[in-house]
Amino acid sequence: MFDWFRRLVPSSADFFVLFERHSRATVAAGEALAQLVRGEGDRMGLVATIRDREHDADDIIREVLTEVRQTFLTPFDRGAITGLIAAMDDVTDEIQSCASAIETYDFDDFAPDMREMAAHICRALHKIDEALPLLRDVPRNGKRLHELTGEIVTAEGEVDIIHTRGLKANFAAAMSSGQTVPFIVNREIFKHLEKIADAFEDVANQIDGIVIDYA
């Protein structure tokens, strides 16, 4: 009803720029995690990169929340803005949690299933990064946004399948070797990777909600 008025009156904050900055930080953290899981590069440097990008993302979400309180006219409902940035920040937090577990346990025995999960995570993060600029014109880009969120949700389902397969293989290895500690550590790394996928699915759902309301 007030869409015409929203277009005429400019907002005082560019939330789209903030969304996109946050996404770039998340993509950088995800790529560093994938590199870490592949056993490439300097482990401590990659962990530090993930931590730094997570701090960048925290700064951005604080800026978004401040601007939401201070901005008279926002491009979307305030709840949609805070819901989207919170979901995005959960992804970065989960990436940081995974890296912290890897660092804590000095873990470097990554199963092929872990590497595959990390690859799917990176692809999904790039899909989110592609989707966010399209929110600048939801009516025009609604179809493509819906396609991208569908691909992100599909990626989450693929990660779930690999997660289950990896846990079964991990359990079988523990049963044959009788070693409990490696089983526990592997299970935790698998779980952290799976939580990243759950978080990026929430981002897709938030974007879908915006498309439904504004397309």
Protein backbone atom coordinates (compact mmCIF):
# COMPACT_ATOMS: atom_id res chain seq x y z
CA MET A 1 0.00 0.00 0.00
CA PHE A 2 2.78 2.44 0.91
CA ASP A 3 5.31 1.11 -1.60
CA TRP A 4 5.15 4.32 -3.67
CA PHE A 5 5.84 6.40 -0.56
CA ARG A 6 8.79 4.16 0.38
CA ARG A 7 10.35 4.83 -3.02
CA LEU A 8 9.89 8.61 -2.78
CA VAL A 9 11.35 9.08 0.68
CA PRO A 10 14.98 7.98 0.97
CA SER A 11 16.18 6.10 4.01
CA SER A 12 19.16 7.45 5.92
CA ALA A 13 21.01 4.13 5.91
CA ASP A 14 21.99 1.84 3.06
CA PHE A 15 21.13 -1.53 4.54
CA PHE A 16 21.94 -3.23 1.25
CA VAL A 17 25.57 -2.16 1.51
CA LEU A 18 25.69 -3.53 5.06
CA PHE A 19 24.14 -6.84 4.00
CA GLU A 20 26.66 -7.17 1.19
CA ARG A 21 29.63 -6.28 3.42
CA HIS A 22 28.52 -8.90 5.92
CA SER A 23 28.17 -11.47 3.15
CA ARG A 24 31.68 -10.78 1.88
CA ALA A 25 33.05 -11.37 5.38
CA THR A 26 31.09 -14.61 5.63
CA VAL A 27 32.25 -15.84 2.22
CA ALA A 28 35.87 -15.10 3.17
CA ALA A 29 35.45 -17.02 6.43
CA GLY A 30 33.79 -19.94 4.62
CA GLU A 31 36.53 -20.13 2.02
CA ALA A 32 39.18 -20.09 4.75
CA LEU A 33 37.35 -22.92 6.52
CA ALA A 34 37.17 -24.97 3.31
CA GLN A 35 40.88 -24.42 2.78
CA LEU A 36 41.53 -25.49 6.35
CA VAL A 37 39.47 -28.66 5.90
CA ARG A 38 41.33 -29.46 2.68
CA GLY A 39 44.59 -29.25 4.61
CA GLU A 40 45.88 -26.36 2.52
CA GLY A 41 47.73 -23.25 3.65
CA ASP A 42 48.83 -22.15 7.09
CA ARG A 43 46.47 -23.58 9.70
CA MET A 44 46.95 -20.86 12.28
CA GLY A 45 46.71 -18.15 9.64
CA LEU A 46 43.44 -19.57 8.35
CA VAL A 47 41.98 -19.80 11.85
CA ALA A 48 43.03 -16.19 12.45
CA THR A 49 41.39 -15.13 9.17
CA ILE A 50 38.12 -16.79 10.19
CA ARG A 51 38.25 -15.10 13.58
CA ASP A 52 38.94 -11.70 12.01
CA ARG A 53 36.09 -12.04 9.52
CA GLU A 54 33.74 -13.09 12.31
CA HIS A 55 34.72 -9.93 14.20
CA ASP A 56 34.06 -7.88 11.05
CA ALA A 57 30.62 -9.47 10.78
CA ASP A 58 29.90 -8.64 14.43
CA ASP A 59 30.75 -4.99 13.80
CA ILE A 60 28.41 -4.92 10.81
CA ILE A 61 25.45 -6.44 12.65
CA ARG A 62 25.86 -3.86 15.41
CA GLU A 63 25.83 -1.14 12.75
CA VAL A 64 22.68 -2.59 11.20
CA LEU A 65 20.87 -2.74 14.53
CA THR A 66 21.88 0.85 15.30
CA GLU A 67 20.66 2.06 11.92
CA VAL A 68 17.36 0.19 12.26
CA ARG A 69 16.67 2.11 15.46
CA GLN A 70 17.63 5.46 13.95
CA THR A 71 16.24 5.23 10.41
CA PHE A 72 12.81 6.69 9.76
CA LEU A 73 12.09 4.76 6.58
CA THR A 74 13.62 1.35 5.91
CA PRO A 75 13.53 -0.63 2.63
CA PHE A 76 11.79 -3.53 4.37
CA ASP A 77 9.97 -4.06 7.61
CA ARG A 78 12.36 -3.67 10.53
CA GLY A 79 11.69 -7.25 11.58
CA ALA A 80 12.72 -8.49 8.12
CA ILE A 81 15.98 -6.51 8.30
CA THR A 82 16.93 -7.70 11.77
CA GLY A 83 15.82 -11.25 10.98
CA LEU A 84 17.97 -11.41 7.86
CA ILE A 85 21.12 -9.94 9.39
CA ALA A 86 20.75 -12.13 12.49
CA ALA A 87 20.45 -15.26 10.33
CA MET A 88 23.48 -14.17 8.32
CA ASP A 89 25.46 -13.60 11.49
CA ASP A 90 24.56 -17.06 12.76
CA VAL A 91 26.35 -18.50 9.70
CA THR A 92 29.54 -16.61 10.51
CA ASP A 93 29.30 -17.59 14.17
CA GLU A 94 28.97 -21.27 13.24
CA ILE A 95 31.98 -21.05 10.92
CA GLN A 96 33.96 -19.52 13.79
CA SER A 97 32.77 -22.28 16.16
CA CYS A 98 33.91 -24.94 13.71
CA ALA A 99 37.33 -23.32 13.33
CA SER A 100 37.63 -23.01 17.11
CA ALA A 101 36.94 -26.72 17.54
CA ILE A 102 39.56 -27.56 14.90
CA GLU A 103 42.05 -25.34 16.71
CA THR A 104 41.17 -26.64 20.19
CA TYR A 105 41.63 -30.30 19.24
CA ASP A 106 44.53 -29.59 16.87
CA PHE A 107 42.49 -31.58 14.38
CA ASP A 108 43.88 -32.28 10.92
CA ASP A 109 42.52 -35.71 10.00
CA PHE A 110 39.64 -34.48 7.87
CA ALA A 111 37.49 -37.16 6.29
CA PRO A 112 36.52 -36.83 2.62
CA ASP A 113 32.93 -36.29 3.75
CA MET A 114 34.04 -33.26 5.78
CA ARG A 115 35.77 -31.79 2.74
CA GLU A 116 32.64 -32.40 0.68
CA MET A 117 30.46 -30.69 3.29
CA ALA A 118 32.80 -27.68 3.32
CA ALA A 119 32.62 -27.45 -0.48
CA HIS A 120 28.80 -27.41 -0.39
CA ILE A 121 28.93 -24.75 2.32
CA CYS A 122 31.12 -22.51 0.17
CA ARG A 123 28.84 -22.90 -2.82
CA ALA A 124 25.81 -21.97 -0.71
CA LEU A 125 27.57 -18.91 0.70
CA HIS A 126 28.32 -17.72 -2.83
CA LYS A 127 24.63 -18.19 -3.69
CA ILE A 128 23.71 -15.97 -0.74
CA ASP A 129 26.29 -13.44 -1.87
CA GLU A 130 24.66 -13.44 -5.31
CA ALA A 131 21.18 -13.06 -3.83
CA LEU A 132 21.74 -10.10 -1.54
CA PRO A 133 22.32 -7.40 -4.20
CA LEU A 134 19.11 -8.57 -5.88
CA LEU A 135 17.17 -7.43 -2.80
CA ARG A 136 17.66 -3.86 -4.05
CA ASP A 137 14.79 -4.53 -6.49
CA VAL A 138 12.72 -7.42 -5.20
CA PRO A 139 9.80 -7.05 -7.65
CA ARG A 140 12.14 -7.30 -10.63
CA ASN A 141 14.42 -9.98 -9.14
CA GLY A 142 11.88 -12.10 -7.27
CA LYS A 143 12.09 -15.05 -9.66
CA ARG A 144 15.89 -15.25 -9.52
CA LEU A 145 15.88 -14.80 -5.75
CA HIS A 146 13.48 -17.71 -5.41
CA GLU A 147 15.72 -19.86 -7.63
CA LEU A 148 18.76 -19.02 -5.52
CA THR A 149 17.05 -19.76 -2.22
CA GLY A 150 15.90 -23.09 -3.65
CA GLU A 151 19.50 -23.93 -4.53
CA ILE A 152 20.63 -22.94 -1.03
CA VAL A 153 18.00 -25.15 0.60
CA THR A 154 19.03 -28.01 -1.70
CA ALA A 155 22.64 -27.55 -0.60
CA GLU A 156 21.54 -27.83 3.03
CA GLY A 157 19.81 -31.12 2.24
CA GLU A 158 22.96 -32.43 0.54
CA VAL A 159 25.04 -31.47 3.57
CA ASP A 160 22.60 -33.35 5.80
CA ILE A 161 22.97 -36.49 3.70
CA ILE A 162 26.77 -36.30 3.77
CA HIS A 163 26.67 -35.59 7.50
CA THR A 164 24.69 -38.75 8.17
CA ARG A 165 26.95 -40.79 5.91
CA GLY A 166 30.05 -39.39 7.58
CA LEU A 167 28.78 -40.14 11.07
CA LYS A 168 28.04 -43.73 10.11
CA ALA A 169 31.55 -44.16 8.71
CA ASN A 170 33.03 -42.54 11.80
CA PHE A 171 31.08 -44.87 14.08
CA ALA A 172 32.11 -47.93 12.07
CA ALA A 173 35.76 -46.89 12.29
CA ALA A 174 35.47 -46.42 16.04
CA MET A 175 33.87 -49.83 16.47
CA SER A 176 36.62 -51.55 14.51
CA SER A 177 39.48 -49.70 16.22
CA GLY A 178 38.02 -49.43 19.71
CA GLN A 179 39.17 -45.79 19.90
CA THR A 180 36.65 -43.47 21.52
CA VAL A 181 38.40 -40.10 21.49
CA PRO A 182 38.83 -39.86 17.68
CA PHE A 183 35.16 -40.80 17.29
CA ILE A 184 34.08 -37.99 19.65
CA VAL A 185 36.27 -35.37 18.00
CA ASN A 186 35.23 -36.38 14.47
CA ARG A 187 31.58 -36.30 15.51
CA GLU A 188 31.99 -32.77 16.85
CA ILE A 189 33.61 -31.50 13.65
CA PHE A 190 30.84 -33.11 11.59
CA LYS A 191 28.25 -31.48 13.82
CA HIS A 192 29.78 -28.03 13.47
CA LEU A 193 29.79 -28.32 9.69
CA GLU A 194 26.17 -29.44 9.72
CA LYS A 195 25.21 -26.45 11.91
CA ILE A 196 26.69 -24.07 9.33
CA ALA A 197 24.34 -25.58 6.75
CA ASP A 198 21.36 -25.22 9.08
CA ALA A 199 22.28 -21.56 9.53
CA PHE A 200 22.57 -20.76 5.83
CA GLU A 201 19.20 -22.43 5.23
CA ASP A 202 17.74 -19.93 7.71
CA VAL A 203 19.21 -17.12 5.60
CA ALA A 204 17.45 -18.55 2.53
CA ASN A 205 14.18 -18.67 4.46
CA GLN A 206 14.57 -15.02 5.52
CA ILE A 207 15.20 -13.98 1.92
CA ASP A 208 12.16 -15.97 0.79
CA GLY A 209 10.06 -14.16 3.36
CA ILE A 210 11.14 -10.81 1.94
CA VAL A 211 10.36 -11.99 -1.59
CA ILE A 212 6.88 -13.10 -0.53
CA ASP A 213 6.16 -9.77 1.16
CA TYR A 214 7.66 -7.38 -1.40
CA ALA A 215 7.75 -9.06 -4.84
